[in-house]
N, C-alpha and C. Protein backbone atom coordinates (compact mmCIF):
# COMPACT_ATOMS: atom_id res chain seq x y z
N MET A 1 -3.23 17.55 -2.52
CA MET A 1 -3.84 16.31 -2.00
C MET A 1 -3.01 15.41 -1.90
N LYS A 2 -1.56 15.67 -2.00
CA LYS A 2 -0.64 13.90 -2.12
C LYS A 2 -0.29 14.08 -0.55
N ASP A 3 -0.37 15.42 -0.13
CA ASP A 3 0.74 15.69 1.23
C ASP A 3 -0.99 16.27 2.45
N THR A 4 -1.84 15.02 1.83
CA THR A 4 -2.99 15.41 3.21
C THR A 4 -2.54 14.43 4.40
N LYS A 5 -3.38 14.51 5.20
CA LYS A 5 -3.04 13.57 6.57
C LYS A 5 -3.83 12.53 6.87
N TYR A 6 -4.43 12.61 6.05
CA TYR A 6 -5.63 11.38 6.42
C TYR A 6 -4.79 10.34 5.47
N LYS A 7 -5.84 8.88 6.14
CA LYS A 7 -5.22 7.74 5.44
C LYS A 7 -6.77 7.58 5.08
N ILE A 8 -6.53 7.35 3.46
CA ILE A 8 -7.09 6.87 2.49
C ILE A 8 -7.35 5.82 1.87
N LEU A 9 -8.26 5.01 1.85
CA LEU A 9 -8.40 3.70 0.86
C LEU A 9 -8.98 3.81 -0.60
N ALA A 10 -8.55 3.68 -1.60
CA ALA A 10 -9.24 4.16 -3.09
C ALA A 10 -9.69 1.98 -3.32
N TYR A 11 -10.99 2.37 -4.17
CA TYR A 11 -10.61 1.30 -5.08
C TYR A 11 -11.88 2.12 -6.86
N PHE A 12 -11.58 1.81 -8.20
CA PHE A 12 -11.87 2.02 -9.02
C PHE A 12 -12.15 0.77 -9.41
N ASP A 13 -13.55 0.99 -9.89
CA ASP A 13 -13.98 -0.34 -11.21
C ASP A 13 -13.35 -0.35 -12.31
N ASN A 14 -12.68 1.38 -13.09
CA ASN A 14 -13.18 1.56 -14.06
C ASN A 14 -11.62 1.73 -14.05
N GLN A 15 -10.66 1.41 -15.17
CA GLN A 15 -8.79 2.15 -15.19
C GLN A 15 -9.22 3.38 -15.75
N SER A 16 -9.74 3.73 -16.08
CA SER A 16 -10.06 5.22 -16.72
C SER A 16 -10.37 6.44 -15.55
N TYR A 17 -10.63 5.72 -14.20
CA TYR A 17 -10.90 6.46 -13.25
C TYR A 17 -9.48 6.65 -12.33
N ARG A 18 -8.65 5.45 -12.74
CA ARG A 18 -7.13 5.67 -11.62
C ARG A 18 -6.89 6.97 -11.87
N LYS A 19 -7.39 7.73 -13.28
CA LYS A 19 -6.30 8.86 -13.38
C LYS A 19 -6.45 10.04 -12.09
N LEU A 20 -7.58 9.75 -11.15
CA LEU A 20 -7.59 10.47 -10.20
C LEU A 20 -7.07 9.91 -8.81
N PHE A 21 -6.54 8.39 -8.90
CA PHE A 21 -6.05 7.79 -7.83
C PHE A 21 -4.64 8.52 -8.04
N ASN A 22 -3.76 8.64 -9.33
CA ASN A 22 -2.76 9.12 -9.65
C ASN A 22 -2.19 10.56 -8.57
N GLU A 23 -3.49 11.12 -7.96
CA GLU A 23 -3.43 12.84 -7.83
C GLU A 23 -3.80 12.15 -6.02
N ILE A 24 -4.31 11.13 -5.64
CA ILE A 24 -4.59 10.85 -3.99
C ILE A 24 -3.43 10.45 -3.52
N ASN A 25 -2.79 10.78 -2.07
CA ASN A 25 -2.33 9.84 -1.41
C ASN A 25 -2.96 9.04 -0.56
N SER A 26 -2.81 7.84 -1.25
CA SER A 26 -3.74 6.71 -0.65
C SER A 26 -3.33 5.00 -1.03
N ASP A 27 -4.42 4.45 -0.29
CA ASP A 27 -3.68 2.97 -0.49
C ASP A 27 -4.58 2.96 -1.69
N TYR A 28 -4.46 1.87 -2.76
CA TYR A 28 -5.23 1.53 -3.46
C TYR A 28 -6.01 -0.26 -3.16
N ALA A 29 -7.16 -0.37 -3.47
CA ALA A 29 -8.11 -1.94 -3.86
C ALA A 29 -7.75 -2.04 -5.63
N GLU A 30 -6.70 -3.29 -5.27
CA GLU A 30 -6.90 -3.69 -6.96
C GLU A 30 -8.71 -4.51 -7.39
N ASN A 31 -9.15 -5.30 -6.12
CA ASN A 31 -9.77 -5.64 -6.42
C ASN A 31 -11.26 -5.56 -5.02
N LEU A 32 -12.43 -6.00 -5.14
CA LEU A 32 -13.12 -6.14 -4.12
C LEU A 32 -12.85 -7.10 -2.28
N GLN A 33 -12.64 -7.63 -3.06
CA GLN A 33 -11.56 -8.60 -1.76
C GLN A 33 -11.14 -7.80 -1.02
N ILE A 34 -9.40 -7.62 -2.00
CA ILE A 34 -8.06 -6.88 -1.40
C ILE A 34 -9.57 -5.18 -0.18
N LEU A 35 -9.99 -4.98 -0.71
CA LEU A 35 -10.89 -4.00 -0.48
C LEU A 35 -11.22 -3.90 1.06
N LEU A 36 -12.13 -5.09 0.96
CA LEU A 36 -12.87 -5.50 1.69
C LEU A 36 -12.08 -5.97 3.39
N HIS A 37 -10.93 -6.86 2.62
CA HIS A 37 -9.77 -7.21 3.34
C HIS A 37 -9.27 -6.40 4.17
N ASN A 38 -8.39 -5.03 3.52
CA ASN A 38 -8.07 -3.96 4.05
C ASN A 38 -8.90 -3.07 5.08
N LEU A 39 -9.91 -2.88 5.10
CA LEU A 39 -11.21 -2.49 5.68
C LEU A 39 -11.24 -3.48 7.03
N SER A 40 -11.29 -4.59 6.70
CA SER A 40 -10.93 -5.66 8.03
C SER A 40 -10.00 -5.18 8.73
N LEU A 41 -9.22 -5.12 8.32
CA LEU A 41 -7.57 -5.20 9.02
C LEU A 41 -6.55 -4.30 9.17
N PHE A 42 -7.02 -3.28 8.39
CA PHE A 42 -7.11 -1.44 8.24
C PHE A 42 -7.70 -0.87 9.28
N SER A 43 -7.64 0.78 9.99
CA SER A 43 -8.05 2.08 10.24
C SER A 43 -7.52 2.97 8.97
N TYR A 44 -8.49 3.28 8.12
CA TYR A 44 -8.89 4.35 7.26
C TYR A 44 -9.44 5.57 7.56
N ASP A 45 -9.39 6.70 7.30
CA ASP A 45 -10.08 8.62 7.25
C ASP A 45 -11.59 8.08 6.59
N VAL A 46 -11.40 8.01 5.09
CA VAL A 46 -12.03 7.84 4.14
C VAL A 46 -11.92 6.84 3.26
N LEU A 47 -13.01 6.36 2.56
CA LEU A 47 -12.91 5.36 1.38
C LEU A 47 -13.49 6.24 0.30
N ILE A 48 -13.09 5.99 -0.87
CA ILE A 48 -13.20 6.18 -1.78
C ILE A 48 -13.22 5.10 -2.86
N ILE A 49 -14.72 5.39 -3.69
CA ILE A 49 -14.75 4.48 -4.78
C ILE A 49 -15.57 4.83 -6.01
N GLY A 50 -14.26 5.09 -6.62
CA GLY A 50 -15.14 5.51 -8.24
C GLY A 50 -16.17 3.94 -8.87
N VAL A 51 -17.07 4.04 -9.48
CA VAL A 51 -18.23 3.24 -10.23
C VAL A 51 -18.72 3.72 -11.66
N ILE A 52 -19.13 2.95 -12.72
CA ILE A 52 -19.51 2.82 -13.22
C ILE A 52 -21.15 2.44 -12.82
N LEU A 53 -21.97 3.00 -13.70
CA LEU A 53 -23.50 2.84 -13.18
C LEU A 53 -23.39 1.29 -13.72
N TYR A 54 -24.45 0.94 -12.77
CA TYR A 54 -24.67 -1.03 -12.26
C TYR A 54 -23.65 -1.67 -13.04
N LYS A 55 -22.33 -1.65 -12.80
CA LYS A 55 -21.26 -2.42 -12.88
C LYS A 55 -21.62 -3.52 -12.40
N GLU A 56 -21.07 -3.20 -11.05
CA GLU A 56 -21.28 -4.06 -10.10
C GLU A 56 -22.92 -3.72 -9.05
N ASN A 57 -23.24 -4.31 -8.30
CA ASN A 57 -23.81 -3.74 -7.14
C ASN A 57 -23.30 -3.05 -5.82
N ILE A 58 -22.95 -2.27 -6.52
CA ILE A 58 -22.67 -1.26 -5.59
C ILE A 58 -23.49 -1.08 -4.52
N SER A 59 -24.73 -0.98 -4.11
CA SER A 59 -25.04 -0.57 -3.21
C SER A 59 -24.97 -1.99 -2.21
N ASN A 60 -24.97 -2.92 -2.58
CA ASN A 60 -24.78 -4.47 -1.51
C ASN A 60 -23.42 -3.78 -1.20
N ILE A 61 -22.21 -3.73 -1.56
CA ILE A 61 -21.17 -3.27 -1.68
C ILE A 61 -21.07 -3.22 -0.37
N ILE A 62 -21.98 -1.29 -0.61
CA ILE A 62 -21.55 -0.37 0.33
C ILE A 62 -22.43 -1.13 1.49
N SER A 63 -23.82 -1.30 1.62
CA SER A 63 -24.07 -2.16 2.60
C SER A 63 -23.03 -3.01 3.30
N ALA A 64 -22.17 -4.17 2.75
CA ALA A 64 -21.21 -5.01 3.11
C ALA A 64 -20.72 -4.54 3.70
N ILE A 65 -19.67 -3.08 3.47
CA ILE A 65 -19.02 -2.05 4.14
C ILE A 65 -19.54 -1.87 5.51
N ARG A 66 -20.63 -1.48 5.54
CA ARG A 66 -21.27 -0.39 6.56
C ARG A 66 -21.39 -1.80 7.81
N LYS A 67 -21.04 -2.86 7.28
CA LYS A 67 -21.39 -3.89 8.03
C LYS A 67 -19.53 -4.22 9.22
N ILE A 68 -19.16 -3.83 8.49
CA ILE A 68 -17.48 -4.07 8.80
C ILE A 68 -17.31 -2.84 9.44
N THR A 69 -17.65 -1.48 9.33
CA THR A 69 -17.45 0.20 9.54
C THR A 69 -17.60 0.92 9.29
N GLN A 70 -17.97 1.89 10.09
CA GLN A 70 -18.53 2.99 9.71
C GLN A 70 -17.95 4.54 9.45
N ILE A 71 -16.55 3.63 8.31
CA ILE A 71 -16.12 4.69 7.69
C ILE A 71 -16.88 5.56 6.25
N PRO A 72 -16.31 6.69 6.87
CA PRO A 72 -17.18 7.55 5.52
C PRO A 72 -17.10 7.27 4.34
N ILE A 73 -17.36 7.49 3.11
CA ILE A 73 -17.12 6.73 1.72
C ILE A 73 -17.55 7.56 0.96
N ILE A 74 -17.09 8.17 0.39
CA ILE A 74 -17.21 9.23 -1.40
C ILE A 74 -17.16 8.07 -2.70
N ILE A 75 -17.97 8.06 -3.33
CA ILE A 75 -18.56 7.37 -3.95
C ILE A 75 -18.44 9.01 -5.64
N LEU A 76 -17.68 8.15 -6.35
CA LEU A 76 -17.36 8.95 -7.84
C LEU A 76 -18.23 8.21 -8.73
N THR A 77 -18.82 8.52 -9.23
CA THR A 77 -19.69 7.94 -10.85
C THR A 77 -19.34 9.04 -11.93
N ASP A 78 -19.65 8.92 -12.93
CA ASP A 78 -19.96 9.86 -13.91
C ASP A 78 -21.33 11.27 -14.04
N ALA A 79 -21.29 11.72 -14.93
CA ALA A 79 -22.40 13.16 -14.89
C ALA A 79 -23.62 12.08 -15.06
N SER A 80 -23.41 11.50 -16.34
CA SER A 80 -24.30 10.43 -16.80
C SER A 80 -25.51 10.14 -15.70
N SER A 81 -24.57 9.50 -14.51
CA SER A 81 -24.96 8.06 -13.80
C SER A 81 -25.82 9.57 -12.28
N LEU A 82 -24.95 10.41 -12.12
CA LEU A 82 -25.38 11.64 -11.71
C LEU A 82 -26.90 12.38 -12.12
N LEU A 83 -27.40 12.02 -12.94
CA LEU A 83 -28.65 12.53 -13.65
C LEU A 83 -29.62 11.59 -13.16
N CYS A 84 -29.45 10.59 -12.82
CA CYS A 84 -30.54 9.47 -12.41
C CYS A 84 -30.49 9.32 -10.72
N MET A 85 -31.44 10.56 -10.62
CA MET A 85 -31.69 10.91 -8.96
C MET A 85 -32.13 9.11 -7.95
N SER A 86 -32.71 8.76 -8.92
CA SER A 86 -32.94 7.23 -7.71
C SER A 86 -31.32 6.40 -8.05
N TRP A 87 -30.38 6.32 -8.34
CA TRP A 87 -29.20 6.17 -8.83
C TRP A 87 -28.42 6.19 -7.38
N LYS A 88 -28.52 8.30 -7.25
CA LYS A 88 -27.73 8.82 -6.20
C LYS A 88 -28.60 8.04 -5.19
N LYS A 89 -29.34 7.98 -4.90
CA LYS A 89 -30.46 7.81 -3.52
C LYS A 89 -30.16 6.27 -3.17
N GLU A 90 -30.00 5.42 -3.96
CA GLU A 90 -30.03 4.21 -3.87
C GLU A 90 -28.46 4.22 -2.91
N LEU A 91 -27.38 4.33 -3.47
CA LEU A 91 -26.24 4.55 -3.18
C LEU A 91 -25.89 5.62 -1.35
N ILE A 92 -26.73 6.62 -1.38
CA ILE A 92 -26.93 7.54 0.28
C ILE A 92 -27.59 6.47 0.70
N TYR A 93 -28.67 5.68 0.40
CA TYR A 93 -29.61 5.12 1.32
C TYR A 93 -28.85 3.72 1.52
N ALA A 94 -27.61 3.04 1.20
CA ALA A 94 -26.75 2.04 1.03
C ALA A 94 -25.79 2.47 2.28
N GLY A 95 -25.63 3.74 2.50
CA GLY A 95 -25.24 4.17 3.51
C GLY A 95 -23.21 4.95 2.80
N ALA A 96 -23.62 5.33 1.26
CA ALA A 96 -22.78 6.57 1.27
C ALA A 96 -22.76 7.49 1.77
N ASP A 97 -21.70 8.17 2.21
CA ASP A 97 -21.77 9.55 2.46
C ASP A 97 -22.11 10.95 1.57
N CYS A 98 -21.01 10.69 0.33
CA CYS A 98 -21.20 11.72 -0.32
C CYS A 98 -21.13 11.23 -1.99
N VAL A 99 -22.05 11.34 -2.86
CA VAL A 99 -22.03 11.12 -4.37
C VAL A 99 -21.12 12.02 -5.31
N MET A 100 -20.30 11.83 -5.90
CA MET A 100 -20.18 12.87 -6.77
C MET A 100 -19.35 12.92 -7.97
N ASP A 101 -19.43 13.58 -9.20
CA ASP A 101 -18.97 13.73 -10.19
C ASP A 101 -17.98 13.34 -10.42
N ILE A 102 -17.11 12.17 -10.72
CA ILE A 102 -15.72 11.56 -11.25
C ILE A 102 -15.08 12.52 -11.79
N ASN A 103 -15.52 13.16 -12.62
CA ASN A 103 -14.68 14.98 -13.02
C ASN A 103 -15.06 16.21 -12.28
N SER A 104 -15.20 15.88 -11.29
CA SER A 104 -15.05 17.05 -10.27
C SER A 104 -13.68 17.62 -9.85
N THR A 105 -13.12 18.43 -9.49
CA THR A 105 -11.83 18.91 -8.97
C THR A 105 -11.66 18.39 -8.16
N ILE A 106 -9.94 18.09 -8.20
CA ILE A 106 -9.08 17.75 -7.11
C ILE A 106 -9.44 18.46 -5.95
N GLU A 107 -9.70 19.47 -6.06
CA GLU A 107 -10.22 20.29 -4.85
C GLU A 107 -11.10 19.97 -4.28
N GLU A 108 -12.29 19.53 -4.67
CA GLU A 108 -13.77 19.50 -4.45
C GLU A 108 -13.46 18.38 -3.97
N VAL A 109 -13.48 17.31 -4.19
CA VAL A 109 -12.88 15.86 -4.03
C VAL A 109 -12.04 15.90 -2.58
N ASP A 110 -10.86 17.07 -2.50
CA ASP A 110 -10.61 17.28 -1.74
C ASP A 110 -10.97 17.94 -0.49
N LEU A 111 -11.92 18.80 -0.37
CA LEU A 111 -12.85 19.06 0.73
C LEU A 111 -13.57 18.52 1.13
N GLN A 112 -13.91 17.48 0.58
CA GLN A 112 -14.89 16.16 0.84
C GLN A 112 -14.40 15.32 1.83
N ILE A 113 -12.99 14.97 1.50
CA ILE A 113 -12.43 14.00 2.35
C ILE A 113 -12.11 14.62 3.57
N PHE A 114 -11.42 16.40 3.14
CA PHE A 114 -10.97 16.19 4.96
C PHE A 114 -12.53 17.18 5.57
N SER A 115 -13.75 17.50 5.25
CA SER A 115 -15.05 17.43 5.87
C SER A 115 -14.95 16.17 6.48
N LEU A 116 -15.63 14.94 5.43
CA LEU A 116 -15.72 13.98 6.09
C LEU A 116 -14.67 13.00 7.07
N ALA A 117 -13.76 13.12 6.88
CA ALA A 117 -12.90 12.58 8.15
C ALA A 117 -12.61 13.38 9.12
N ARG A 118 -12.56 14.79 9.54
CA ARG A 118 -12.64 15.39 10.46
C ARG A 118 -13.35 15.24 11.23
N ARG A 119 -14.73 15.19 10.35
CA ARG A 119 -16.13 14.33 11.41
C ARG A 119 -15.50 13.60 12.29
N ASN A 120 -15.18 12.35 11.37
CA ASN A 120 -15.14 11.03 11.33
C ASN A 120 -14.07 11.00 12.86
N ASN A 121 -13.33 11.92 12.64
CA ASN A 121 -12.36 11.47 13.96
C ASN A 121 -12.77 12.22 15.38
N LYS A 122 -13.46 13.39 14.84
CA LYS A 122 -13.77 14.01 16.09
C LYS A 122 -14.45 12.88 17.10
N GLN A 123 -15.52 12.39 16.00
CA GLN A 123 -16.56 11.07 16.72
C GLN A 123 -15.34 9.95 17.25
N LYS A 124 -14.67 9.84 16.43
CA LYS A 124 -13.80 8.34 17.31
C LYS A 124 -13.17 8.74 18.29
N ILE A 125 -12.78 10.70 18.15
CA ILE A 125 -11.90 10.64 20.03
C ILE A 125 -13.18 10.67 20.92
N THR A 126 -13.99 11.09 20.47
CA THR A 126 -15.31 11.43 21.24
C THR A 126 -15.87 10.36 22.29
N GLN A 127 -15.80 9.33 20.85
CA GLN A 127 -16.31 7.09 21.65
C GLN A 127 -14.85 7.40 22.79
N LYS A 128 -13.75 7.37 22.32
CA LYS A 128 -12.91 6.75 22.86
C LYS A 128 -13.03 7.64 24.56
N GLN A 129 -13.56 8.93 24.38
CA GLN A 129 -13.19 9.66 25.44
C GLN A 129 -13.80 9.12 26.58
N SER A 130 -15.25 8.73 26.06
CA SER A 130 -16.45 8.11 26.80
C SER A 130 -16.43 6.65 27.71
N GLU A 131 -15.26 6.15 26.86
CA GLU A 131 -15.20 4.84 27.35
C GLU A 131 -14.06 5.26 28.62
N THR A 132 -14.15 4.41 29.97
CA THR A 132 -13.43 5.10 31.38
C THR A 132 -12.65 3.90 31.35
N MET A 133 -12.50 2.52 30.76
CA MET A 133 -11.50 1.81 30.55
C MET A 133 -11.17 1.33 29.41
N ILE A 134 -9.56 1.51 29.20
CA ILE A 134 -10.05 0.80 27.54
C ILE A 134 -8.02 -0.40 27.99
N ASP A 135 -8.81 -1.40 27.30
CA ASP A 135 -8.04 -2.72 27.96
C ASP A 135 -7.33 -3.20 26.53
N LYS A 136 -5.86 -2.89 26.53
CA LYS A 136 -5.46 -3.78 24.81
C LYS A 136 -4.26 -4.47 25.79
N GLY A 137 -4.31 -5.47 25.95
CA GLY A 137 -3.10 -6.01 25.90
C GLY A 137 -2.58 -5.87 27.51
N LYS A 138 -1.31 -5.44 26.90
CA LYS A 138 -0.68 -5.21 27.82
C LYS A 138 -0.59 -3.46 28.35
N LEU A 139 -1.37 -2.75 26.81
CA LEU A 139 -1.62 -1.25 27.14
C LEU A 139 -3.26 -1.18 27.82
N VAL A 140 -3.07 -0.73 29.28
CA VAL A 140 -4.23 -0.39 29.91
C VAL A 140 -4.49 1.56 30.27
N MET A 141 -5.74 2.02 30.00
CA MET A 141 -6.08 3.02 29.76
C MET A 141 -7.27 3.57 31.05
N ASP A 142 -7.26 4.29 31.85
CA ASP A 142 -7.95 4.54 32.94
C ASP A 142 -8.12 6.63 32.35
N HIS A 143 -9.20 6.45 31.68
CA HIS A 143 -9.17 7.66 31.15
C HIS A 143 -9.81 8.49 32.41
N LYS A 144 -11.14 7.75 33.29
CA LYS A 144 -11.33 8.35 34.07
C LYS A 144 -10.49 9.56 35.05
N LYS A 145 -9.39 8.47 35.40
CA LYS A 145 -8.33 9.03 36.31
C LYS A 145 -7.00 9.14 35.40
N HIS A 146 -7.12 9.47 33.92
CA HIS A 146 -5.74 10.04 33.41
C HIS A 146 -4.67 9.30 33.37
N LYS A 147 -4.84 7.75 33.35
CA LYS A 147 -3.95 7.07 33.77
C LYS A 147 -3.08 6.31 32.89
N VAL A 148 -2.12 5.94 32.74
CA VAL A 148 -1.81 4.90 31.49
C VAL A 148 -0.95 4.04 32.21
N PHE A 149 -0.96 2.16 31.67
CA PHE A 149 -0.17 1.55 32.57
C PHE A 149 0.28 0.60 31.34
N TRP A 150 1.77 0.29 31.05
CA TRP A 150 1.95 -0.38 30.94
C TRP A 150 2.56 -1.94 31.42
N ASN A 151 2.13 -3.00 31.09
CA ASN A 151 2.00 -4.25 31.44
C ASN A 151 2.17 -4.19 33.04
N ASN A 152 0.82 -3.02 33.61
CA ASN A 152 1.05 -3.31 34.94
C ASN A 152 1.57 -1.75 35.91
N VAL A 153 2.59 -1.30 34.93
CA VAL A 153 3.39 -0.67 35.33
C VAL A 153 3.11 1.12 34.80
N ALA A 154 3.13 1.57 35.73
CA ALA A 154 1.92 3.59 35.60
C ALA A 154 3.27 4.22 34.50
N LEU A 155 3.07 4.79 33.32
CA LEU A 155 3.48 5.24 32.49
C LEU A 155 3.00 7.39 32.72
N HIS A 156 4.57 7.75 32.75
CA HIS A 156 4.14 9.39 32.86
C HIS A 156 4.51 10.00 31.75
N LEU A 157 2.85 10.53 30.82
CA LEU A 157 2.78 10.86 29.81
C LEU A 157 2.63 12.23 29.50
N THR A 158 3.08 13.17 28.48
CA THR A 158 2.30 14.50 28.70
C THR A 158 1.34 14.85 28.16
N ARG A 159 0.20 15.25 27.98
CA ARG A 159 -0.42 15.39 27.30
C ARG A 159 -1.22 15.25 25.72
N GLN A 160 -0.09 15.34 25.56
CA GLN A 160 0.03 14.85 23.67
C GLN A 160 0.32 13.33 23.73
N GLU A 161 1.16 13.07 24.28
CA GLU A 161 1.42 11.35 24.43
C GLU A 161 0.03 10.72 24.65
N TYR A 162 -0.17 10.88 25.75
CA TYR A 162 -1.98 10.69 26.37
C TYR A 162 -3.06 10.93 24.70
N ASN A 163 -3.41 11.58 24.75
CA ASN A 163 -3.97 11.79 23.49
C ASN A 163 -3.81 11.19 21.91
N PHE A 164 -2.78 11.12 21.89
CA PHE A 164 -2.51 10.06 20.84
C PHE A 164 -2.66 8.76 21.05
N LEU A 165 -2.18 8.38 22.06
CA LEU A 165 -2.89 6.84 22.29
C LEU A 165 -4.34 6.47 22.86
N LEU A 166 -4.61 7.68 23.10
CA LEU A 166 -6.58 7.68 23.27
C LEU A 166 -7.01 7.51 21.52
N ILE A 167 -6.21 8.00 20.79
CA ILE A 167 -6.90 7.74 19.10
C ILE A 167 -6.45 6.76 18.65
């Protein structure tokens, strides 16, 4: 998991959950303010949140995150919390994509990250391809004509270079 190609943001409300963070190659938010700040400024492929049952109103936090971004969210919590199906439903209905036991193996978490990030990245590419003109200041991309301009000067890019800019 340390060499994953996905950009991950992690937040854990319990220090004991941070053991997992050591095995995940990700940015770490020390508190909720930093978490929301990073989500509003940077692009991540997956958000992982480790929580204790009802320590914080995580459903409201997830709802707030959904107003900022559609990033895939994995919630990690202890098994006793998962036994409470209403807690799991509440998290999923609030916008979490996956709720897992904090003691899940790194391989299980890695598979969820891969699955959600892959789906999210495909949606981003499809959305970008549906846009005919992308104007980001000096950079203009005409997807219909497959042309790129920098400061009104046409750039001759390879397909890989064009697709990189498109993402």
